Amino acid sequence: MVSAPELKKYTSKKILITLNNNRQIQGILIGFDIFLNLNLTECVELSITSGKGNPIRDAVKIGSCVIRGNSVVSVELIA
């Protein structure tokens, strides 16, 4: 997982966050604290549902969100 000083370079950039319940949130990082709680804008929740043999990727716009640090598994920069 990314440490707080490394998160500073991701500020104002689009990131993909994987949570401990296999959910993913994509958004623009606008802030964080020492507990790695993340504040994002333009958030989209990504989920994969199984269709008839083919997985279906679903995206739900949720606007701004705050993600609690202890539920974050990984943070990726989206190019």
C-alpha atoms as a PDB file:
ATOM      1  CA  MET A   1       0.000   0.000   0.000  1.00  0.00           C
ATOM      2  CA  VAL A   2       1.079   3.581  -0.617  1.00  0.00           C
ATOM      3  CA  SER A   3       2.335   5.634   2.334  1.00  0.00           C
ATOM      4  CA  ALA A   4       1.083   9.158   3.056  1.00  0.00           C
ATOM      5  CA  PRO A   5       4.129  11.013   1.615  1.00  0.00           C
ATOM      6  CA  GLU A   6       3.829   9.025  -1.622  1.00  0.00           C
ATOM      7  CA  LEU A   7       0.147   9.943  -1.917  1.00  0.00           C
ATOM      8  CA  LYS A   8       1.086  13.614  -2.206  1.00  0.00           C
ATOM      9  CA  LYS A   9       2.244  13.092  -5.794  1.00  0.00           C
ATOM     10  CA  TYR A  10      -1.183  11.605  -6.661  1.00  0.00           C
ATOM     11  CA  THR A  11      -3.080  14.730  -5.561  1.00  0.00           C
ATOM     12  CA  SER A  12      -5.286  16.129  -8.378  1.00  0.00           C
ATOM     13  CA  LYS A  13      -4.724  12.941 -10.413  1.00  0.00           C
ATOM     14  CA  LYS A  14      -7.149  10.150 -11.323  1.00  0.00           C
ATOM     15  CA  ILE A  15      -6.618   7.031  -9.219  1.00  0.00           C
ATOM     16  CA  LEU A  16      -8.161   3.587  -8.861  1.00  0.00           C
ATOM     17  CA  ILE A  17      -8.683   2.344  -5.310  1.00  0.00           C
ATOM     18  CA  THR A  18      -9.302  -1.301  -4.472  1.00  0.00           C
ATOM     19  CA  LEU A  19     -11.163  -1.823  -1.200  1.00  0.00           C
ATOM     20  CA  ASN A  20     -10.999  -4.828   1.128  1.00  0.00           C
ATOM     21  CA  ASN A  21     -14.413  -6.109  -0.016  1.00  0.00           C
ATOM     22  CA  ASN A  22     -13.272  -6.371  -3.677  1.00  0.00           C
ATOM     23  CA  ARG A  23     -14.973  -3.131  -4.667  1.00  0.00           C
ATOM     24  CA  GLN A  24     -13.163  -0.514  -6.715  1.00  0.00           C
ATOM     25  CA  ILE A  25     -13.551   3.253  -6.697  1.00  0.00           C
ATOM     26  CA  GLN A  26     -12.112   5.501  -9.380  1.00  0.00           C
ATOM     27  CA  GLY A  27     -11.815   9.249  -8.869  1.00  0.00           C
ATOM     28  CA  ILE A  28      -9.602  12.300  -8.546  1.00  0.00           C
ATOM     29  CA  LEU A  29      -7.689  12.520  -5.263  1.00  0.00           C
ATOM     30  CA  ILE A  30      -8.226  15.895  -3.608  1.00  0.00           C
ATOM     31  CA  GLY A  31      -6.931  15.140  -0.120  1.00  0.00           C
ATOM     32  CA  PHE A  32      -5.856  12.616   2.518  1.00  0.00           C
ATOM     33  CA  ASP A  33      -4.832  12.522   6.165  1.00  0.00           C
ATOM     34  CA  ILE A  34      -2.321  10.674   8.348  1.00  0.00           C
ATOM     35  CA  PHE A  35      -4.697   7.698   8.638  1.00  0.00           C
ATOM     36  CA  LEU A  36      -4.795   7.410   4.808  1.00  0.00           C
ATOM     37  CA  ASN A  37      -8.456   8.412   4.700  1.00  0.00           C
ATOM     38  CA  LEU A  38      -8.932   9.555   1.107  1.00  0.00           C
ATOM     39  CA  ASN A  39     -11.081  12.412  -0.192  1.00  0.00           C
ATOM     40  CA  LEU A  40     -12.036  12.072  -3.866  1.00  0.00           C
ATOM     41  CA  THR A  41     -14.153  13.882  -6.413  1.00  0.00           C
ATOM     42  CA  GLU A  42     -15.747  12.646  -9.654  1.00  0.00           C
ATOM     43  CA  CYS A  43     -16.002   9.164  -8.117  1.00  0.00           C
ATOM     44  CA  VAL A  44     -17.232   6.112  -9.969  1.00  0.00           C
ATOM     45  CA  GLU A  45     -17.858   2.767  -8.253  1.00  0.00           C
ATOM     46  CA  LEU A  46     -16.773  -0.115 -10.479  1.00  0.00           C
ATOM     47  CA  SER A  47     -18.157  -3.609 -10.062  1.00  0.00           C
ATOM     48  CA  ILE A  48     -18.113  -6.821 -12.045  1.00  0.00           C
ATOM     49  CA  THR A  49     -21.251  -8.926 -12.255  1.00  0.00           C
ATOM     50  CA  SER A  50     -21.441 -12.285 -13.940  1.00  0.00           C
ATOM     51  CA  GLY A  51     -23.696 -12.416 -16.960  1.00  0.00           C
ATOM     52  CA  LYS A  52     -24.437 -15.430 -19.132  1.00  0.00           C
ATOM     53  CA  GLY A  53     -20.854 -16.637 -19.441  1.00  0.00           C
ATOM     54  CA  ASN A  54     -19.437 -13.121 -19.806  1.00  0.00           C
ATOM     55  CA  PRO A  55     -18.593 -10.846 -16.891  1.00  0.00           C
ATOM     56  CA  ILE A  56     -20.283  -7.448 -17.093  1.00  0.00           C
ATOM     57  CA  ARG A  57     -18.425  -4.394 -15.802  1.00  0.00           C
ATOM     58  CA  ASP A  58     -20.801  -1.867 -14.266  1.00  0.00           C
ATOM     59  CA  ALA A  59     -19.967   1.750 -13.368  1.00  0.00           C
ATOM     60  CA  VAL A  60     -22.066   3.910 -11.043  1.00  0.00           C
ATOM     61  CA  LYS A  61     -21.289   7.625 -10.667  1.00  0.00           C
ATOM     62  CA  ILE A  62     -21.286   8.617  -7.004  1.00  0.00           C
ATOM     63  CA  GLY A  63     -19.784  12.134  -7.125  1.00  0.00           C
ATOM     64  CA  SER A  64     -17.579  13.063  -4.167  1.00  0.00           C
ATOM     65  CA  CYS A  65     -16.634  10.509  -1.530  1.00  0.00           C
ATOM     66  CA  VAL A  66     -14.452   9.887   1.499  1.00  0.00           C
ATOM     67  CA  ILE A  67     -12.861   6.457   1.835  1.00  0.00           C
ATOM     68  CA  ARG A  68     -11.729   5.238   5.227  1.00  0.00           C
ATOM     69  CA  GLY A  69      -8.041   4.368   5.223  1.00  0.00           C
ATOM     70  CA  ASN A  70      -8.324   0.945   6.861  1.00  0.00           C
ATOM     71  CA  SER A  71     -10.543  -0.329   4.015  1.00  0.00           C
ATOM     72  CA  VAL A  72      -8.002   0.539   1.287  1.00  0.00           C
ATOM     73  CA  VAL A  73      -6.084  -2.421  -0.167  1.00  0.00           C
ATOM     74  CA  SER A  74      -4.315  -0.644  -3.041  1.00  0.00           C
ATOM     75  CA  VAL A  75      -4.057   2.679  -4.852  1.00  0.00           C
ATOM     76  CA  GLU A  76      -3.155   2.856  -8.553  1.00  0.00           C
ATOM     77  CA  LEU A  77      -2.507   5.863 -10.741  1.00  0.00           C
ATOM     78  CA  ILE A  78      -4.627   5.856 -13.895  1.00  0.00           C
ATOM     79  CA  ALA A  79      -2.729   7.171 -16.909  1.00  0.00           C
END
